[in-house]
Amino acid sequence: MNRVDKGRVRAAFTRGAGAYDARASVQALVRGRVLALAEAVAPARGRVLDVGAGTGRLLADLTSARPGLAATAIDLAPGMCRAVRAAVPGAAVAAADAEALPCRAGAFDLVLSTSTLQWMPRLEPALRECARVLRPGGRLVLALFAEGTLRELRAAWREAAGDRAPDRTHRFFTRGEVAAALEAAGLVTERLEEAEHVEHHPDARAVLRSLKAIGAQGAVPGGGGLAGRAVMLELLRRYQASHGGPAGVPATWHVVYAAASR
């Protein structure tokens, strides 16, 4: 189970909302794959909910392709909700928690979630909520960052911290955990696949800046005081020494995609 400070997540993604689409290149690739999966199962008419809607680009693209869909968006960050209202003017939008959706049971034909559920303490409560708001026969399409995500950064932290500090790296879920959580939520998995995307940054410090710029502070290990600063500097040194090259340093994103039905 992850220790997630939802207040910190809310504030970080609100700050990052304005620049998110320009900087979140991997998330844009993931969104494109989710859009393709959603278009394959979306009805011509009905109701669609995006859980963790971000800036609303996924909903905007889907409702453009399926104008008969009535859109609803939920995001924890008020800044993201403002972006959704601009991107999808007709959508119903609410700032809310994925673990407590403010929607009636069986309200939606399609539920989407992309690049969001990895920030949950556990997967099951949010997926149970997704299942609850789906009508019988409704579809869920999701993507989340999984266990191989940012493995270079997390390995450098563990090497740098050693026994001097607790492991403060975010724990991303495994493919098996995603499958088990879908089943526990009462959903029938129809598709489960994985992909990896590798970004390159000028140096290790640029990786951390990039994560913070899109609001993903939860993925950045840290600690206060001089000891924490010393470990962070050692993390940067080890990351650079192990992975630096002519193309800069890599940051790997491991994605699990799923399509399921109620």
C-alpha atoms as a PDB file:
ATOM      1  CA  MET A   1       0.000   0.000   0.000  1.00  0.00           C
ATOM      2  CA  ASN A   2       1.292   3.447  -0.914  1.00  0.00           C
ATOM      3  CA  ARG A   3       1.295   6.306   1.524  1.00  0.00           C
ATOM      4  CA  VAL A   4      -0.319   8.987  -0.603  1.00  0.00           C
ATOM      5  CA  ASP A   5      -0.824  12.550   0.581  1.00  0.00           C
ATOM      6  CA  LYS A   6      -3.859  13.484  -1.486  1.00  0.00           C
ATOM      7  CA  GLY A   7      -3.623  17.118  -0.468  1.00  0.00           C
ATOM      8  CA  ARG A   8      -0.115  17.232  -1.898  1.00  0.00           C
ATOM      9  CA  VAL A   9      -1.256  15.445  -5.070  1.00  0.00           C
ATOM     10  CA  ARG A  10      -4.176  17.875  -5.463  1.00  0.00           C
ATOM     11  CA  ALA A  11      -1.935  20.916  -5.080  1.00  0.00           C
ATOM     12  CA  ALA A  12       0.812  19.569  -7.346  1.00  0.00           C
ATOM     13  CA  PHE A  13      -1.486  18.772 -10.262  1.00  0.00           C
ATOM     14  CA  THR A  14      -3.324  22.065  -9.868  1.00  0.00           C
ATOM     15  CA  ARG A  15       0.017  23.885 -10.176  1.00  0.00           C
ATOM     16  CA  GLY A  16       1.008  21.768 -13.153  1.00  0.00           C
ATOM     17  CA  ALA A  17      -2.292  22.025 -15.045  1.00  0.00           C
ATOM     18  CA  GLY A  18      -1.379  24.990 -17.257  1.00  0.00           C
ATOM     19  CA  ALA A  19       1.792  23.424 -18.663  1.00  0.00           C
ATOM     20  CA  TYR A  20       0.780  19.775 -18.404  1.00  0.00           C
ATOM     21  CA  ASP A  21      -0.069  19.032 -22.036  1.00  0.00           C
ATOM     22  CA  ALA A  22       3.089  20.722 -23.319  1.00  0.00           C
ATOM     23  CA  ARG A  23       5.347  18.714 -21.000  1.00  0.00           C
ATOM     24  CA  ALA A  24       3.640  15.347 -20.479  1.00  0.00           C
ATOM     25  CA  SER A  25       4.759  13.651 -23.688  1.00  0.00           C
ATOM     26  CA  VAL A  26       4.557  10.043 -22.486  1.00  0.00           C
ATOM     27  CA  GLN A  27       1.128  10.700 -21.003  1.00  0.00           C
ATOM     28  CA  ALA A  28       0.043  11.931 -24.447  1.00  0.00           C
ATOM     29  CA  LEU A  29       1.159   8.622 -26.015  1.00  0.00           C
ATOM     30  CA  VAL A  30      -0.758   6.722 -23.350  1.00  0.00           C
ATOM     31  CA  ARG A  31      -3.827   8.864 -23.948  1.00  0.00           C
ATOM     32  CA  GLY A  32      -3.692   8.036 -27.648  1.00  0.00           C
ATOM     33  CA  ARG A  33      -3.698   4.301 -26.948  1.00  0.00           C
ATOM     34  CA  VAL A  34      -6.583   4.635 -24.474  1.00  0.00           C
ATOM     35  CA  LEU A  35      -8.521   6.643 -27.045  1.00  0.00           C
ATOM     36  CA  ALA A  36      -8.111   3.824 -29.591  1.00  0.00           C
ATOM     37  CA  LEU A  37      -9.253   1.229 -27.044  1.00  0.00           C
ATOM     38  CA  ALA A  38     -12.204   3.419 -26.025  1.00  0.00           C
ATOM     39  CA  GLU A  39     -13.303   4.046 -29.609  1.00  0.00           C
ATOM     40  CA  ALA A  40     -13.429   0.281 -30.155  1.00  0.00           C
ATOM     41  CA  VAL A  41     -16.060  -0.180 -27.409  1.00  0.00           C
ATOM     42  CA  ALA A  42     -17.764   3.212 -27.052  1.00  0.00           C
ATOM     43  CA  PRO A  43     -21.453   3.344 -27.978  1.00  0.00           C
ATOM     44  CA  ALA A  44     -22.677   5.883 -30.491  1.00  0.00           C
ATOM     45  CA  ARG A  45     -24.838   7.429 -27.768  1.00  0.00           C
ATOM     46  CA  GLY A  46     -24.712   7.231 -23.991  1.00  0.00           C
ATOM     47  CA  ARG A  47     -22.777   8.556 -21.032  1.00  0.00           C
ATOM     48  CA  VAL A  48     -19.016   8.495 -20.488  1.00  0.00           C
ATOM     49  CA  LEU A  49     -17.060   9.282 -17.314  1.00  0.00           C
ATOM     50  CA  ASP A  50     -13.342  10.092 -17.203  1.00  0.00           C
ATOM     51  CA  VAL A  51     -11.842   9.431 -13.759  1.00  0.00           C
ATOM     52  CA  GLY A  52      -8.745  11.568 -13.312  1.00  0.00           C
ATOM     53  CA  ALA A  53      -9.594  13.532 -16.436  1.00  0.00           C
ATOM     54  CA  GLY A  54      -6.547  15.813 -16.273  1.00  0.00           C
ATOM     55  CA  THR A  55      -6.802  18.601 -18.823  1.00  0.00           C
ATOM     56  CA  GLY A  56      -9.731  16.952 -20.616  1.00  0.00           C
ATOM     57  CA  ARG A  57      -7.884  16.072 -23.822  1.00  0.00           C
ATOM     58  CA  LEU A  58      -9.056  12.442 -23.806  1.00  0.00           C
ATOM     59  CA  LEU A  59     -12.696  13.412 -23.347  1.00  0.00           C
ATOM     60  CA  ALA A  60     -12.416  16.124 -25.982  1.00  0.00           C
ATOM     61  CA  ASP A  61     -11.003  13.677 -28.522  1.00  0.00           C
ATOM     62  CA  LEU A  62     -13.511  10.926 -27.725  1.00  0.00           C
ATOM     63  CA  THR A  63     -16.586  13.162 -27.800  1.00  0.00           C
ATOM     64  CA  SER A  64     -15.371  14.658 -31.064  1.00  0.00           C
ATOM     65  CA  ALA A  65     -15.316  11.141 -32.532  1.00  0.00           C
ATOM     66  CA  ARG A  66     -18.578  10.167 -30.764  1.00  0.00           C
ATOM     67  CA  PRO A  67     -20.674  13.358 -30.546  1.00  0.00           C
ATOM     68  CA  GLY A  68     -23.595  11.385 -29.136  1.00  0.00           C
ATOM     69  CA  LEU A  69     -21.744  10.777 -25.872  1.00  0.00           C
ATOM     70  CA  ALA A  70     -22.569  12.943 -22.860  1.00  0.00           C
ATOM     71  CA  ALA A  71     -19.322  13.583 -20.964  1.00  0.00           C
ATOM     72  CA  THR A  72     -18.621  13.737 -17.235  1.00  0.00           C
ATOM     73  CA  ALA A  73     -15.173  14.411 -15.781  1.00  0.00           C
ATOM     74  CA  ILE A  74     -13.807  13.845 -12.290  1.00  0.00           C
ATOM     75  CA  ASP A  75     -10.394  15.029 -11.122  1.00  0.00           C
ATOM     76  CA  LEU A  76      -8.922  15.529  -7.680  1.00  0.00           C
ATOM     77  CA  ALA A  77      -7.195  18.782  -8.710  1.00  0.00           C
ATOM     78  CA  PRO A  78      -9.340  21.914  -9.131  1.00  0.00           C
ATOM     79  CA  GLY A  79      -6.827  23.285 -11.633  1.00  0.00           C
ATOM     80  CA  MET A  80      -7.346  20.272 -13.858  1.00  0.00           C
ATOM     81  CA  CYS A  81     -11.120  20.657 -13.545  1.00  0.00           C
ATOM     82  CA  ARG A  82     -10.838  24.207 -14.861  1.00  0.00           C
ATOM     83  CA  ALA A  83      -8.844  22.903 -17.821  1.00  0.00           C
ATOM     84  CA  VAL A  84     -11.516  20.268 -18.566  1.00  0.00           C
ATOM     85  CA  ARG A  85     -14.251  22.915 -18.614  1.00  0.00           C
ATOM     86  CA  ALA A  86     -12.271  24.826 -21.225  1.00  0.00           C
ATOM     87  CA  ALA A  87     -11.483  21.740 -23.317  1.00  0.00           C
ATOM     88  CA  VAL A  88     -14.955  20.141 -23.162  1.00  0.00           C
ATOM     89  CA  PRO A  89     -17.461  22.971 -22.633  1.00  0.00           C
ATOM     90  CA  GLY A  90     -20.494  20.683 -22.435  1.00  0.00           C
ATOM     91  CA  ALA A  91     -19.048  18.289 -19.858  1.00  0.00           C
ATOM     92  CA  ALA A  92     -20.253  17.933 -16.283  1.00  0.00           C
ATOM     93  CA  VAL A  93     -17.126  18.413 -14.149  1.00  0.00           C
ATOM     94  CA  ALA A  94     -16.473  17.825 -10.444  1.00  0.00           C
ATOM     95  CA  ALA A  95     -13.390  17.975  -8.240  1.00  0.00           C
ATOM     96  CA  ALA A  96     -13.585  14.664  -6.409  1.00  0.00           C
ATOM     97  CA  ASP A  97     -11.692  11.590  -5.261  1.00  0.00           C
ATOM     98  CA  ALA A  98     -11.585   8.463  -7.439  1.00  0.00           C
ATOM     99  CA  GLU A  99     -12.229   6.435  -4.287  1.00  0.00           C
ATOM    100  CA  ALA A 100     -15.554   8.222  -3.695  1.00  0.00           C
ATOM    101  CA  LEU A 101     -17.140   9.138  -7.032  1.00  0.00           C
ATOM    102  CA  PRO A 102     -20.047  11.601  -6.686  1.00  0.00           C
ATOM    103  CA  CYS A 103     -22.131   9.659  -9.214  1.00  0.00           C
ATOM    104  CA  ARG A 104     -25.147   7.362  -8.933  1.00  0.00           C
ATOM    105  CA  ALA A 105     -24.778   3.626  -9.446  1.00  0.00           C
ATOM    106  CA  GLY A 106     -25.157   2.394 -13.014  1.00  0.00           C
ATOM    107  CA  ALA A 107     -25.009   5.897 -14.494  1.00  0.00           C
ATOM    108  CA  PHE A 108     -22.434   5.334 -17.254  1.00  0.00           C
ATOM    109  CA  ASP A 109     -22.011   3.248 -20.368  1.00  0.00           C
ATOM    110  CA  LEU A 110     -18.246   3.810 -20.442  1.00  0.00           C
ATOM    111  CA  VAL A 111     -15.696   4.744 -17.783  1.00  0.00           C
ATOM    112  CA  LEU A 112     -12.158   5.840 -18.675  1.00  0.00           C
ATOM    113  CA  SER A 113      -9.070   6.444 -16.592  1.00  0.00           C
ATOM    114  CA  THR A 114      -5.582   7.222 -17.851  1.00  0.00           C
ATOM    115  CA  SER A 115      -2.317   7.983 -15.998  1.00  0.00           C
ATOM    116  CA  THR A 116      -4.208   8.396 -12.709  1.00  0.00           C
ATOM    117  CA  LEU A 117      -4.765   5.245 -10.688  1.00  0.00           C
ATOM    118  CA  GLN A 118      -1.050   4.713 -10.019  1.00  0.00           C
ATOM    119  CA  TRP A 119      -1.351   7.533  -7.462  1.00  0.00           C
ATOM    120  CA  MET A 120      -3.932   5.617  -5.384  1.00  0.00           C
ATOM    121  CA  PRO A 121      -2.929   4.058  -2.047  1.00  0.00           C
ATOM    122  CA  ARG A 122      -4.593   0.854  -3.304  1.00  0.00           C
ATOM    123  CA  LEU A 123      -6.266  -0.021  -6.590  1.00  0.00           C
ATOM    124  CA  GLU A 124      -9.332  -1.887  -5.333  1.00  0.00           C
ATOM    125  CA  PRO A 125     -11.363   1.015  -3.839  1.00  0.00           C
ATOM    126  CA  ALA A 126     -11.128   3.133  -7.002  1.00  0.00           C
ATOM    127  CA  LEU A 127     -11.894   0.195  -9.285  1.00  0.00           C
ATOM    128  CA  ARG A 128     -14.885  -0.772  -7.159  1.00  0.00           C
ATOM    129  CA  GLU A 129     -16.160   2.764  -7.609  1.00  0.00           C
ATOM    130  CA  CYS A 130     -15.652   2.525 -11.373  1.00  0.00           C
ATOM    131  CA  ALA A 131     -17.611  -0.737 -11.393  1.00  0.00           C
ATOM    132  CA  ARG A 132     -20.365   0.743  -9.219  1.00  0.00           C
ATOM    133  CA  VAL A 133     -21.080   3.622 -11.596  1.00  0.00           C
ATOM    134  CA  LEU A 134     -21.085   1.409 -14.716  1.00  0.00           C
ATOM    135  CA  ARG A 135     -24.383   0.038 -15.985  1.00  0.00           C
ATOM    136  CA  PRO A 136     -24.550  -3.751 -16.433  1.00  0.00           C
ATOM    137  CA  GLY A 137     -22.691  -4.462 -19.657  1.00  0.00           C
ATOM    138  CA  GLY A 138     -20.836  -1.152 -19.457  1.00  0.00           C
ATOM    139  CA  ARG A 139     -17.133  -0.929 -20.270  1.00  0.00           C
ATOM    140  CA  LEU A 140     -14.060   0.301 -18.401  1.00  0.00           C
ATOM    141  CA  VAL A 141     -10.893   1.298 -20.285  1.00  0.00           C
ATOM    142  CA  LEU A 142      -7.863   2.319 -18.268  1.00  0.00           C
ATOM    143  CA  ALA A 143      -4.127   2.832 -18.345  1.00  0.00           C
ATOM    144  CA  LEU A 144      -1.814   3.298 -15.409  1.00  0.00           C
ATOM    145  CA  PHE A 145       1.913   3.436 -14.851  1.00  0.00           C
ATOM    146  CA  ALA A 146       3.149   0.130 -13.473  1.00  0.00           C
ATOM    147  CA  GLU A 147       6.060  -1.451 -11.641  1.00  0.00           C
ATOM    148  CA  GLY A 148       8.829  -0.731 -14.158  1.00  0.00           C
ATOM    149  CA  THR A 149       8.099   2.989 -14.184  1.00  0.00           C
ATOM    150  CA  LEU A 150      11.072   5.250 -13.371  1.00  0.00           C
ATOM    151  CA  ARG A 151      13.165   2.228 -12.487  1.00  0.00           C
ATOM    152  CA  GLU A 152      16.393   4.171 -13.095  1.00  0.00           C
ATOM    153  CA  LEU A 153      15.398   6.849 -10.591  1.00  0.00           C
ATOM    154  CA  ARG A 154      14.188   4.379  -7.981  1.00  0.00           C
ATOM    155  CA  ALA A 155      17.322   2.237  -8.245  1.00  0.00           C
ATOM    156  CA  ALA A 156      19.547   5.296  -7.864  1.00  0.00           C
ATOM    157  CA  TRP A 157      17.620   6.291  -4.728  1.00  0.00           C
ATOM    158  CA  ARG A 158      18.001   2.865  -3.145  1.00  0.00           C
ATOM    159  CA  GLU A 159      21.724   2.831  -3.911  1.00  0.00           C
ATOM    160  CA  ALA A 160      22.200   6.347  -2.579  1.00  0.00           C
ATOM    161  CA  ALA A 161      20.106   5.947   0.566  1.00  0.00           C
ATOM    162  CA  GLY A 162      21.312   2.528   1.656  1.00  0.00           C
ATOM    163  CA  ASP A 163      20.508   2.061   5.332  1.00  0.00           C
ATOM    164  CA  ARG A 164      20.595   5.809   6.017  1.00  0.00           C
ATOM    165  CA  ALA A 165      17.029   6.513   4.980  1.00  0.00           C
ATOM    166  CA  PRO A 166      13.750   4.656   4.509  1.00  0.00           C
ATOM    167  CA  ASP A 167      12.681   3.753   0.970  1.00  0.00           C
ATOM    168  CA  ARG A 168      10.713   6.830  -0.110  1.00  0.00           C
ATOM    169  CA  THR A 169      10.171   5.749  -3.697  1.00  0.00           C
ATOM    170  CA  HIS A 170       6.596   5.410  -4.931  1.00  0.00           C
ATOM    171  CA  ARG A 171       5.501   1.797  -5.326  1.00  0.00           C
ATOM    172  CA  PHE A 172       3.863   1.256  -8.699  1.00  0.00           C
ATOM    173  CA  PHE A 173       1.448  -1.644  -9.102  1.00  0.00           C
ATOM    174  CA  THR A 174       2.229  -4.819 -11.038  1.00  0.00           C
ATOM    175  CA  ARG A 175       0.284  -6.203 -13.995  1.00  0.00           C
ATOM    176  CA  GLY A 176      -0.866  -9.044 -11.729  1.00  0.00           C
ATOM    177  CA  GLU A 177      -2.140  -6.592  -9.132  1.00  0.00           C
ATOM    178  CA  VAL A 178      -4.108  -4.732 -11.803  1.00  0.00           C
ATOM    179  CA  ALA A 179      -5.708  -7.988 -12.971  1.00  0.00           C
ATOM    180  CA  ALA A 180      -6.527  -9.038  -9.395  1.00  0.00           C
ATOM    181  CA  ALA A 181      -8.026  -5.638  -8.542  1.00  0.00           C
ATOM    182  CA  LEU A 182     -10.268  -5.712 -11.624  1.00  0.00           C
ATOM    183  CA  GLU A 183     -11.527  -9.143 -10.632  1.00  0.00           C
ATOM    184  CA  ALA A 184     -12.067  -8.070  -7.015  1.00  0.00           C
ATOM    185  CA  ALA A 185     -14.140  -5.132  -8.276  1.00  0.00           C
ATOM    186  CA  GLY A 186     -16.455  -7.537 -10.074  1.00  0.00           C
ATOM    187  CA  LEU A 187     -15.212  -6.663 -13.561  1.00  0.00           C
ATOM    188  CA  VAL A 188     -14.474  -9.110 -16.374  1.00  0.00           C
ATOM    189  CA  THR A 189     -11.118  -8.366 -17.999  1.00  0.00           C
ATOM    190  CA  GLU A 190     -11.327  -8.458 -21.788  1.00  0.00           C
ATOM    191  CA  ARG A 191      -7.908  -7.057 -22.592  1.00  0.00           C
ATOM    192  CA  LEU A 192      -4.718  -6.624 -20.555  1.00  0.00           C
ATOM    193  CA  GLU A 193      -1.503  -5.455 -22.210  1.00  0.00           C
ATOM    194  CA  GLU A 194       1.757  -3.706 -21.396  1.00  0.00           C
ATOM    195  CA  ALA A 195       4.096  -1.250 -23.076  1.00  0.00           C
ATOM    196  CA  GLU A 196       7.227   0.688 -22.201  1.00  0.00           C
ATOM    197  CA  HIS A 197       8.109   4.220 -23.266  1.00  0.00           C
ATOM    198  CA  VAL A 198      11.544   5.733 -22.652  1.00  0.00           C
ATOM    199  CA  GLU A 199      12.103   9.481 -22.422  1.00  0.00           C
ATOM    200  CA  HIS A 200      15.571  11.014 -22.546  1.00  0.00           C
ATOM    201  CA  HIS A 201      16.537  14.076 -20.523  1.00  0.00           C
ATOM    202  CA  PRO A 202      19.753  16.119 -20.550  1.00  0.00           C
ATOM    203  CA  ASP A 203      20.764  14.919 -17.093  1.00  0.00           C
ATOM    204  CA  ALA A 204      19.398  13.364 -13.890  1.00  0.00           C
ATOM    205  CA  ARG A 205      18.391  16.704 -12.402  1.00  0.00           C
ATOM    206  CA  ALA A 206      16.286  17.378 -15.508  1.00  0.00           C
ATOM    207  CA  VAL A 207      14.330  14.172 -14.835  1.00  0.00           C
ATOM    208  CA  LEU A 208      13.299  15.476 -11.417  1.00  0.00           C
ATOM    209  CA  ARG A 209      12.418  18.890 -12.848  1.00  0.00           C
ATOM    210  CA  SER A 210      10.269  17.235 -15.505  1.00  0.00           C
ATOM    211  CA  LEU A 211       8.350  15.177 -12.950  1.00  0.00           C
ATOM    212  CA  LYS A 212       7.683  18.201 -10.794  1.00  0.00           C
ATOM    213  CA  ALA A 213       6.622  20.302 -13.793  1.00  0.00           C
ATOM    214  CA  ILE A 214       3.748  17.927 -14.598  1.00  0.00           C
ATOM    215  CA  GLY A 215       2.718  17.584 -10.947  1.00  0.00           C
ATOM    216  CA  ALA A 216       4.155  14.103 -10.424  1.00  0.00           C
ATOM    217  CA  GLN A 217       5.960  14.938  -7.168  1.00  0.00           C
ATOM    218  CA  GLY A 218       4.713  11.648  -5.748  1.00  0.00           C
ATOM    219  CA  ALA A 219       7.261   9.865  -7.950  1.00  0.00           C
ATOM    220  CA  VAL A 220      10.190  11.939  -6.639  1.00  0.00           C
ATOM    221  CA  PRO A 221      11.888  10.486  -3.557  1.00  0.00           C
ATOM    222  CA  GLY A 222      13.063  12.915  -0.945  1.00  0.00           C
ATOM    223  CA  GLY A 223      13.748  13.722   2.661  1.00  0.00           C
ATOM    224  CA  GLY A 224      14.275  16.788   4.741  1.00  0.00           C
ATOM    225  CA  GLY A 225      17.413  18.208   6.305  1.00  0.00           C
ATOM    226  CA  LEU A 226      21.076  17.928   5.435  1.00  0.00           C
ATOM    227  CA  ALA A 227      20.957  14.126   5.392  1.00  0.00           C
ATOM    228  CA  GLY A 228      18.130  14.205   2.875  1.00  0.00           C
ATOM    229  CA  ARG A 229      20.015  16.699   0.707  1.00  0.00           C
ATOM    230  CA  ALA A 230      23.149  14.559   0.810  1.00  0.00           C
ATOM    231  CA  VAL A 231      21.204  11.481  -0.303  1.00  0.00           C
ATOM    232  CA  MET A 232      19.567  13.444  -3.116  1.00  0.00           C
ATOM    233  CA  LEU A 233      22.930  14.657  -4.395  1.00  0.00           C
ATOM    234  CA  GLU A 234      24.230  11.089  -4.282  1.00  0.00           C
ATOM    235  CA  LEU A 235      21.104   9.929  -6.135  1.00  0.00           C
ATOM    236  CA  LEU A 236      21.818  12.425  -8.916  1.00  0.00           C
ATOM    237  CA  ARG A 237      25.455  11.337  -9.102  1.00  0.00           C
ATOM    238  CA  ARG A 238      24.581   7.631  -9.292  1.00  0.00           C
ATOM    239  CA  TYR A 239      21.787   8.166 -11.829  1.00  0.00           C
ATOM    240  CA  GLN A 240      24.147  10.129 -14.050  1.00  0.00           C
ATOM    241  CA  ALA A 241      27.034   7.671 -13.647  1.00  0.00           C
ATOM    242  CA  SER A 242      24.906   4.609 -14.406  1.00  0.00           C
ATOM    243  CA  HIS A 243      22.800   5.966 -17.267  1.00  0.00           C
ATOM    244  CA  GLY A 244      24.353   9.123 -18.682  1.00  0.00           C
ATOM    245  CA  GLY A 245      25.420   9.133 -22.312  1.00  0.00           C
ATOM    246  CA  PRO A 246      25.334  11.143 -25.552  1.00  0.00           C
ATOM    247  CA  ALA A 247      21.506  11.053 -25.542  1.00  0.00           C
ATOM    248  CA  GLY A 248      21.316  12.186 -21.924  1.00  0.00           C
ATOM    249  CA  VAL A 249      19.726   9.923 -19.303  1.00  0.00           C
ATOM    250  CA  PRO A 250      16.682   7.676 -19.771  1.00  0.00           C
ATOM    251  CA  ALA A 251      13.463   7.649 -17.770  1.00  0.00           C
ATOM    252  CA  THR A 252      11.368   4.551 -18.366  1.00  0.00           C
ATOM    253  CA  TRP A 253       7.575   4.519 -18.146  1.00  0.00           C
ATOM    254  CA  HIS A 254       5.918   1.096 -17.915  1.00  0.00           C
ATOM    255  CA  VAL A 255       2.206   1.149 -18.776  1.00  0.00           C
ATOM    256  CA  VAL A 256      -0.525  -1.418 -18.175  1.00  0.00           C
ATOM    257  CA  TYR A 257      -3.618  -1.031 -20.354  1.00  0.00           C
ATOM    258  CA  ALA A 258      -6.872  -2.798 -19.549  1.00  0.00           C
ATOM    259  CA  ALA A 259     -10.354  -3.080 -20.966  1.00  0.00           C
ATOM    260  CA  ALA A 260     -13.051  -4.713 -18.833  1.00  0.00           C
ATOM    261  CA  SER A 261     -16.805  -4.999 -18.593  1.00  0.00           C
ATOM    262  CA  ARG A 262     -19.328  -5.126 -15.808  1.00  0.00           C
END
